[in-house]
Amino acid sequence: MGVIQIRGVSDSAHRRLKARAALAGQSLSEYLRLELERHARLPTIEEMVALVADDEPVGGEPSSRAIRAERTTRERG
């Protein structure tokens, strides 16, 4: 397991994070470890672009046209 040490965190950020950890019933280290793990699982913008780059475009009519048609149908009742 890796070790990360962060220096230079402002006092206000430290207090807020420590308070959040306490509200979650966790130590500051545990809270930050879980937050870093969660953040590491999120894809970056570049990864998201790569994921959707090969997707087929969605066809069909434009949503504005579908909404307009639905509104017209409801108005005619």
PDB file of N, CA and C in Angstrom:
ATOM      1  N   MET A   1       0.850  -1.180   0.000  1.00  0.00           N
ATOM      2  CA  MET A   1       0.000   0.000   0.000  1.00  0.00           C
ATOM      3  C   MET A   1       0.887   1.231   0.000  1.00  0.00           C
ATOM      4  N   GLY A   2       0.545   2.192  -0.815  1.00  0.00           N
ATOM      5  CA  GLY A   2       1.337   3.416  -0.930  1.00  0.00           C
ATOM      6  C   GLY A   2       1.098   4.372   0.221  1.00  0.00           C
ATOM      7  N   VAL A   3       2.012   5.286   0.395  1.00  0.00           N
ATOM      8  CA  VAL A   3       1.911   6.315   1.421  1.00  0.00           C
ATOM      9  C   VAL A   3       1.955   7.671   0.735  1.00  0.00           C
ATOM     10  N   ILE A   4       1.043   8.546   1.131  1.00  0.00           N
ATOM     11  CA  ILE A   4       1.002   9.911   0.594  1.00  0.00           C
ATOM     12  C   ILE A   4       1.053  10.865   1.775  1.00  0.00           C
ATOM     13  N   GLN A   5       1.902  11.856   1.685  1.00  0.00           N
ATOM     14  CA  GLN A   5       1.972  12.892   2.712  1.00  0.00           C
ATOM     15  C   GLN A   5       1.789  14.225   2.009  1.00  0.00           C
ATOM     16  N   ILE A   6       0.892  15.038   2.537  1.00  0.00           N
ATOM     17  CA  ILE A   6       0.610  16.332   1.925  1.00  0.00           C
ATOM     18  C   ILE A   6       0.957  17.428   2.926  1.00  0.00           C
ATOM     19  N   ARG A   7       1.801  18.336   2.501  1.00  0.00           N
ATOM     20  CA  ARG A   7       2.190  19.467   3.351  1.00  0.00           C
ATOM     21  C   ARG A   7       1.572  20.746   2.795  1.00  0.00           C
ATOM     22  N   GLY A   8       1.466  21.716   3.642  1.00  0.00           N
ATOM     23  CA  GLY A   8       1.040  23.039   3.199  1.00  0.00           C
ATOM     24  C   GLY A   8      -0.460  23.204   3.057  1.00  0.00           C
ATOM     25  N   VAL A   9      -1.253  22.325   3.674  1.00  0.00           N
ATOM     26  CA  VAL A   9      -2.709  22.473   3.640  1.00  0.00           C
ATOM     27  C   VAL A   9      -3.073  23.630   4.571  1.00  0.00           C
ATOM     28  N   SER A  10      -3.923  24.513   4.098  1.00  0.00           N
ATOM     29  CA  SER A  10      -4.290  25.673   4.920  1.00  0.00           C
ATOM     30  C   SER A  10      -5.017  25.212   6.187  1.00  0.00           C
ATOM     31  N   ASP A  11      -4.924  26.034   7.223  1.00  0.00           N
ATOM     32  CA  ASP A  11      -5.589  25.711   8.485  1.00  0.00           C
ATOM     33  C   ASP A  11      -7.098  25.565   8.301  1.00  0.00           C
ATOM     34  N   SER A  12      -7.678  26.441   7.478  1.00  0.00           N
ATOM     35  CA  SER A  12      -9.133  26.379   7.292  1.00  0.00           C
ATOM     36  C   SER A  12      -9.541  25.098   6.568  1.00  0.00           C
ATOM     37  N   ALA A  13      -8.776  24.693   5.570  1.00  0.00           N
ATOM     38  CA  ALA A  13      -9.088  23.442   4.870  1.00  0.00           C
ATOM     39  C   ALA A  13      -8.916  22.257   5.817  1.00  0.00           C
ATOM     40  N   HIS A  14      -7.878  22.281   6.621  1.00  0.00           N
ATOM     41  CA  HIS A  14      -7.636  21.204   7.582  1.00  0.00           C
ATOM     42  C   HIS A  14      -8.798  21.094   8.561  1.00  0.00           C
ATOM     43  N   ARG A  15      -9.260  22.229   9.083  1.00  0.00           N
ATOM     44  CA  ARG A  15     -10.388  22.222  10.026  1.00  0.00           C
ATOM     45  C   ARG A  15     -11.654  21.669   9.372  1.00  0.00           C
ATOM     46  N   ARG A  16     -11.937  22.113   8.142  1.00  0.00           N
ATOM     47  CA  ARG A  16     -13.147  21.636   7.449  1.00  0.00           C
ATOM     48  C   ARG A  16     -13.085  20.142   7.211  1.00  0.00           C
ATOM     49  N   LEU A  17     -11.943  19.667   6.748  1.00  0.00           N
ATOM     50  CA  LEU A  17     -11.796  18.232   6.479  1.00  0.00           C
ATOM     51  C   LEU A  17     -11.874  17.415   7.759  1.00  0.00           C
ATOM     52  N   LYS A  18     -11.277  17.924   8.812  1.00  0.00           N
ATOM     53  CA  LYS A  18     -11.329  17.220  10.092  1.00  0.00           C
ATOM     54  C   LYS A  18     -12.769  17.160  10.617  1.00  0.00           C
ATOM     55  N   ALA A  19     -13.516  18.240  10.439  1.00  0.00           N
ATOM     56  CA  ALA A  19     -14.920  18.265  10.860  1.00  0.00           C
ATOM     57  C   ALA A  19     -15.744  17.284  10.028  1.00  0.00           C
ATOM     58  N   ARG A  20     -15.500  17.211   8.736  1.00  0.00           N
ATOM     59  CA  ARG A  20     -16.217  16.256   7.880  1.00  0.00           C
ATOM     60  C   ARG A  20     -15.911  14.826   8.282  1.00  0.00           C
ATOM     61  N   ALA A  21     -14.653  14.579   8.613  1.00  0.00           N
ATOM     62  CA  ALA A  21     -14.266  13.241   9.058  1.00  0.00           C
ATOM     63  C   ALA A  21     -14.991  12.887  10.350  1.00  0.00           C
ATOM     64  N   ALA A  22     -15.053  13.829  11.273  1.00  0.00           N
ATOM     65  CA  ALA A  22     -15.737  13.582  12.538  1.00  0.00           C
ATOM     66  C   ALA A  22     -17.221  13.304  12.311  1.00  0.00           C
ATOM     67  N   LEU A  23     -17.840  14.069  11.437  1.00  0.00           N
ATOM     68  CA  LEU A  23     -19.261  13.837  11.130  1.00  0.00           C
ATOM     69  C   LEU A  23     -19.483  12.462  10.512  1.00  0.00           C
ATOM     70  N   ALA A  24     -18.489  11.972   9.790  1.00  0.00           N
ATOM     71  CA  ALA A  24     -18.592  10.646   9.171  1.00  0.00           C
ATOM     72  C   ALA A  24     -18.162   9.540  10.134  1.00  0.00           C
ATOM     73  N   GLY A  25     -17.737   9.929  11.340  1.00  0.00           N
ATOM     74  CA  GLY A  25     -17.300   8.945  12.322  1.00  0.00           C
ATOM     75  C   GLY A  25     -15.967   8.311  11.956  1.00  0.00           C
ATOM     76  N   GLN A  26     -15.114   9.069  11.311  1.00  0.00           N
ATOM     77  CA  GLN A  26     -13.837   8.539  10.839  1.00  0.00           C
ATOM     78  C   GLN A  26     -12.699   9.437  11.305  1.00  0.00           C
ATOM     79  N   SER A  27     -11.516   8.859  11.321  1.00  0.00           N
ATOM     80  CA  SER A  27     -10.331   9.678  11.553  1.00  0.00           C
ATOM     81  C   SER A  27     -10.090  10.492  10.290  1.00  0.00           C
ATOM     82  N   LEU A  28      -9.313  11.542  10.420  1.00  0.00           N
ATOM     83  CA  LEU A  28      -8.991  12.357   9.254  1.00  0.00           C
ATOM     84  C   LEU A  28      -8.268  11.522   8.202  1.00  0.00           C
ATOM     85  N   SER A  29      -7.341  10.674   8.636  1.00  0.00           N
ATOM     86  CA  SER A  29      -6.606   9.829   7.688  1.00  0.00           C
ATOM     87  C   SER A  29      -7.541   8.884   6.940  1.00  0.00           C
ATOM     88  N   GLU A  30      -8.456   8.251   7.648  1.00  0.00           N
ATOM     89  CA  GLU A  30      -9.391   7.322   7.007  1.00  0.00           C
ATOM     90  C   GLU A  30     -10.310   8.061   6.039  1.00  0.00           C
ATOM     91  N   TYR A  31     -10.813   9.211   6.476  1.00  0.00           N
ATOM     92  CA  TYR A  31     -11.688  10.016   5.629  1.00  0.00           C
ATOM     93  C   TYR A  31     -10.984  10.410   4.335  1.00  0.00           C
ATOM     94  N   LEU A  32      -9.756  10.908   4.452  1.00  0.00           N
ATOM     95  CA  LEU A  32      -9.013  11.337   3.274  1.00  0.00           C
ATOM     96  C   LEU A  32      -8.639  10.156   2.387  1.00  0.00           C
ATOM     97  N   ARG A  33      -8.290   9.022   2.990  1.00  0.00           N
ATOM     98  CA  ARG A  33      -7.966   7.839   2.199  1.00  0.00           C
ATOM     99  C   ARG A  33      -9.164   7.414   1.362  1.00  0.00           C
ATOM    100  N   LEU A  34     -10.341   7.379   1.973  1.00  0.00           N
ATOM    101  CA  LEU A  34     -11.551   6.982   1.239  1.00  0.00           C
ATOM    102  C   LEU A  34     -11.897   7.998   0.150  1.00  0.00           C
ATOM    103  N   GLU A  35     -11.718   9.279   0.436  1.00  0.00           N
ATOM    104  CA  GLU A  35     -11.980  10.316  -0.565  1.00  0.00           C
ATOM    105  C   GLU A  35     -11.006  10.197  -1.734  1.00  0.00           C
ATOM    106  N   LEU A  36      -9.744   9.940  -1.446  1.00  0.00           N
ATOM    107  CA  LEU A  36      -8.764   9.771  -2.517  1.00  0.00           C
ATOM    108  C   LEU A  36      -9.058   8.521  -3.344  1.00  0.00           C
ATOM    109  N   GLU A  37      -9.460   7.435  -2.698  1.00  0.00           N
ATOM    110  CA  GLU A  37      -9.824   6.217  -3.417  1.00  0.00           C
ATOM    111  C   GLU A  37     -11.015   6.475  -4.335  1.00  0.00           C
ATOM    112  N   ARG A  38     -12.017   7.193  -3.818  1.00  0.00           N
ATOM    113  CA  ARG A  38     -13.211   7.514  -4.624  1.00  0.00           C
ATOM    114  C   ARG A  38     -12.806   8.376  -5.809  1.00  0.00           C
ATOM    115  N   HIS A  39     -12.001   9.382  -5.548  1.00  0.00           N
ATOM    116  CA  HIS A  39     -11.571  10.289  -6.615  1.00  0.00           C
ATOM    117  C   HIS A  39     -10.750   9.545  -7.679  1.00  0.00           C
ATOM    118  N   ALA A  40      -9.912   8.622  -7.241  1.00  0.00           N
ATOM    119  CA  ALA A  40      -9.062   7.875  -8.185  1.00  0.00           C
ATOM    120  C   ALA A  40      -9.890   6.984  -9.106  1.00  0.00           C
ATOM    121  N   ARG A  41     -11.090   6.575  -8.662  1.00  0.00           N
ATOM    122  CA  ARG A  41     -11.950   5.740  -9.503  1.00  0.00           C
ATOM    123  C   ARG A  41     -12.678   6.541 -10.576  1.00  0.00           C
ATOM    124  N   LEU A  42     -12.793   7.849 -10.398  1.00  0.00           N
ATOM    125  CA  LEU A  42     -13.493   8.682 -11.369  1.00  0.00           C
ATOM    126  C   LEU A  42     -12.636   8.856 -12.616  1.00  0.00           C
ATOM    127  N   PRO A  43     -13.253   8.758 -13.791  1.00  0.00           N
ATOM    128  CA  PRO A  43     -12.476   8.967 -15.017  1.00  0.00           C
ATOM    129  C   PRO A  43     -12.148  10.448 -15.206  1.00  0.00           C
ATOM    130  N   THR A  44     -11.024  10.705 -15.834  1.00  0.00           N
ATOM    131  CA  THR A  44     -10.680  12.078 -16.193  1.00  0.00           C
ATOM    132  C   THR A  44     -11.504  12.479 -17.421  1.00  0.00           C
ATOM    133  N   ILE A  45     -11.490  13.743 -17.754  1.00  0.00           N
ATOM    134  CA  ILE A  45     -12.181  14.212 -18.962  1.00  0.00           C
ATOM    135  C   ILE A  45     -11.628  13.486 -20.184  1.00  0.00           C
ATOM    136  N   GLU A  46     -10.326  13.353 -20.242  1.00  0.00           N
ATOM    137  CA  GLU A  46      -9.699  12.680 -21.381  1.00  0.00           C
ATOM    138  C   GLU A  46     -10.154  11.220 -21.476  1.00  0.00           C
ATOM    139  N   GLU A  47     -10.259  10.547 -20.337  1.00  0.00           N
ATOM    140  CA  GLU A  47     -10.723   9.157 -20.331  1.00  0.00           C
ATOM    141  C   GLU A  47     -12.189   9.062 -20.770  1.00  0.00           C
ATOM    142  N   MET A  48     -13.014  10.025 -20.336  1.00  0.00           N
ATOM    143  CA  MET A  48     -14.425  10.026 -20.742  1.00  0.00           C
ATOM    144  C   MET A  48     -14.553  10.251 -22.247  1.00  0.00           C
ATOM    145  N   VAL A  49     -13.774  11.172 -22.772  1.00  0.00           N
ATOM    146  CA  VAL A  49     -13.803  11.435 -24.216  1.00  0.00           C
ATOM    147  C   VAL A  49     -13.418  10.180 -24.975  1.00  0.00           C
ATOM    148  N   ALA A  50     -12.387   9.491 -24.515  1.00  0.00           N
ATOM    149  CA  ALA A  50     -11.958   8.258 -25.177  1.00  0.00           C
ATOM    150  C   ALA A  50     -13.041   7.185 -25.098  1.00  0.00           C
ATOM    151  N   LEU A  51     -13.753   7.130 -23.974  1.00  0.00           N
ATOM    152  CA  LEU A  51     -14.812   6.124 -23.819  1.00  0.00           C
ATOM    153  C   LEU A  51     -15.965   6.339 -24.798  1.00  0.00           C
ATOM    154  N   VAL A  52     -16.332   7.600 -25.000  1.00  0.00           N
ATOM    155  CA  VAL A  52     -17.487   7.870 -25.853  1.00  0.00           C
ATOM    156  C   VAL A  52     -17.114   8.107 -27.312  1.00  0.00           C
ATOM    157  N   ALA A  53     -15.839   8.231 -27.601  1.00  0.00           N
ATOM    158  CA  ALA A  53     -15.401   8.537 -28.961  1.00  0.00           C
ATOM    159  C   ALA A  53     -15.827   7.469 -29.961  1.00  0.00           C
ATOM    160  N   ASP A  54     -15.864   6.238 -29.537  1.00  0.00           N
ATOM    161  CA  ASP A  54     -16.211   5.145 -30.443  1.00  0.00           C
ATOM    162  C   ASP A  54     -17.700   4.823 -30.457  1.00  0.00           C
ATOM    163  N   ASP A  55     -18.487   5.509 -29.628  1.00  0.00           N
ATOM    164  CA  ASP A  55     -19.929   5.256 -29.595  1.00  0.00           C
ATOM    165  C   ASP A  55     -20.583   5.704 -30.899  1.00  0.00           C
ATOM    166  N   GLU A  56     -21.597   4.980 -31.286  1.00  0.00           N
ATOM    167  CA  GLU A  56     -22.368   5.363 -32.468  1.00  0.00           C
ATOM    168  C   GLU A  56     -23.229   6.573 -32.123  1.00  0.00           C
ATOM    169  N   PRO A  57     -23.373   7.511 -33.041  1.00  0.00           N
ATOM    170  CA  PRO A  57     -24.232   8.662 -32.770  1.00  0.00           C
ATOM    171  C   PRO A  57     -25.677   8.215 -32.565  1.00  0.00           C
ATOM    172  N   VAL A  58     -26.370   8.957 -31.754  1.00  0.00           N
ATOM    173  CA  VAL A  58     -27.777   8.667 -31.496  1.00  0.00           C
ATOM    174  C   VAL A  58     -28.586   9.265 -32.628  1.00  0.00           C
ATOM    175  N   GLY A  59     -29.412   8.452 -33.250  1.00  0.00           N
ATOM    176  CA  GLY A  59     -30.213   8.935 -34.369  1.00  0.00           C
ATOM    177  C   GLY A  59     -31.590   9.367 -33.914  1.00  0.00           C
ATOM    178  N   GLY A  60     -32.458   9.559 -34.858  1.00  0.00           N
ATOM    179  CA  GLY A  60     -33.821   9.955 -34.543  1.00  0.00           C
ATOM    180  C   GLY A  60     -34.008  11.441 -34.707  1.00  0.00           C
ATOM    181  N   GLU A  61     -35.216  11.857 -34.382  1.00  0.00           N
ATOM    182  CA  GLU A  61     -35.525  13.268 -34.551  1.00  0.00           C
ATOM    183  C   GLU A  61     -34.927  14.092 -33.410  1.00  0.00           C
ATOM    184  N   PRO A  62     -34.672  15.363 -33.674  1.00  0.00           N
ATOM    185  CA  PRO A  62     -34.136  16.225 -32.618  1.00  0.00           C
ATOM    186  C   PRO A  62     -35.113  16.322 -31.450  1.00  0.00           C
ATOM    187  N   SER A  63     -34.600  16.416 -30.257  1.00  0.00           N
ATOM    188  CA  SER A  63     -35.463  16.468 -29.076  1.00  0.00           C
ATOM    189  C   SER A  63     -36.388  17.673 -29.120  1.00  0.00           C
ATOM    190  N   SER A  64     -35.942  18.788 -29.682  1.00  0.00           N
ATOM    191  CA  SER A  64     -36.803  19.977 -29.749  1.00  0.00           C
ATOM    192  C   SER A  64     -38.057  19.684 -30.576  1.00  0.00           C
ATOM    193  N   ARG A  65     -37.905  18.929 -31.656  1.00  0.00           N
ATOM    194  CA  ARG A  65     -39.049  18.584 -32.493  1.00  0.00           C
ATOM    195  C   ARG A  65     -39.999  17.639 -31.740  1.00  0.00           C
ATOM    196  N   ALA A  66     -39.447  16.684 -31.015  1.00  0.00           N
ATOM    197  CA  ALA A  66     -40.272  15.745 -30.247  1.00  0.00           C
ATOM    198  C   ALA A  66     -41.042  16.472 -29.145  1.00  0.00           C
ATOM    199  N   ILE A  67     -40.402  17.415 -28.492  1.00  0.00           N
ATOM    200  CA  ILE A  67     -41.070  18.182 -27.433  1.00  0.00           C
ATOM    201  C   ILE A  67     -42.174  19.038 -28.018  1.00  0.00           C
ATOM    202  N   ARG A  68     -41.882  19.686 -29.139  1.00  0.00           N
ATOM    203  CA  ARG A  68     -42.896  20.512 -29.789  1.00  0.00           C
ATOM    204  C   ARG A  68     -44.100  19.673 -30.200  1.00  0.00           C
ATOM    205  N   ALA A  69     -43.874  18.497 -30.747  1.00  0.00           N
ATOM    206  CA  ALA A  69     -44.971  17.617 -31.155  1.00  0.00           C
ATOM    207  C   ALA A  69     -45.795  17.178 -29.951  1.00  0.00           C
ATOM    208  N   GLU A  70     -45.145  16.866 -28.858  1.00  0.00           N
ATOM    209  CA  GLU A  70     -45.866  16.454 -27.642  1.00  0.00           C
ATOM    210  C   GLU A  70     -46.716  17.592 -27.106  1.00  0.00           C
ATOM    211  N   ARG A  71     -46.176  18.796 -27.104  1.00  0.00           N
ATOM    212  CA  ARG A  71     -46.938  19.956 -26.626  1.00  0.00           C
ATOM    213  C   ARG A  71     -48.156  20.206 -27.512  1.00  0.00           C
ATOM    214  N   THR A  72     -47.983  20.083 -28.816  1.00  0.00           N
ATOM    215  CA  THR A  72     -49.101  20.264 -29.748  1.00  0.00           C
ATOM    216  C   THR A  72     -50.181  19.229 -29.492  1.00  0.00           C
ATOM    217  N   THR A  73     -49.769  17.991 -29.283  1.00  0.00           N
ATOM    218  CA  THR A  73     -50.725  16.920 -28.996  1.00  0.00           C
ATOM    219  C   THR A  73     -51.506  17.214 -27.723  1.00  0.00           C
ATOM    220  N   ARG A  74     -50.821  17.668 -26.679  1.00  0.00           N
ATOM    221  CA  ARG A  74     -51.495  17.978 -25.410  1.00  0.00           C
ATOM    222  C   ARG A  74     -52.445  19.154 -25.549  1.00  0.00           C
ATOM    223  N   GLU A  75     -52.050  20.149 -26.345  1.00  0.00           N
ATOM    224  CA  GLU A  75     -52.914  21.328 -26.525  1.00  0.00           C
ATOM    225  C   GLU A  75     -54.186  20.969 -27.259  1.00  0.00           C
ATOM    226  N   ARG A  76     -54.092  20.032 -28.184  1.00  0.00           N
ATOM    227  CA  ARG A  76     -55.272  19.631 -28.949  1.00  0.00           C
ATOM    228  C   ARG A  76     -56.197  18.747 -28.117  1.00  0.00           C
ATOM    229  N   GLY A  77     -55.610  18.165 -27.060  1.00  0.00           N
ATOM    230  CA  GLY A  77     -56.312  17.419 -26.069  1.00  0.00           C
ATOM    231  C   GLY A  77     -57.054  16.263 -26.483  1.00  0.00           C
TER     232      GLY A  77
END
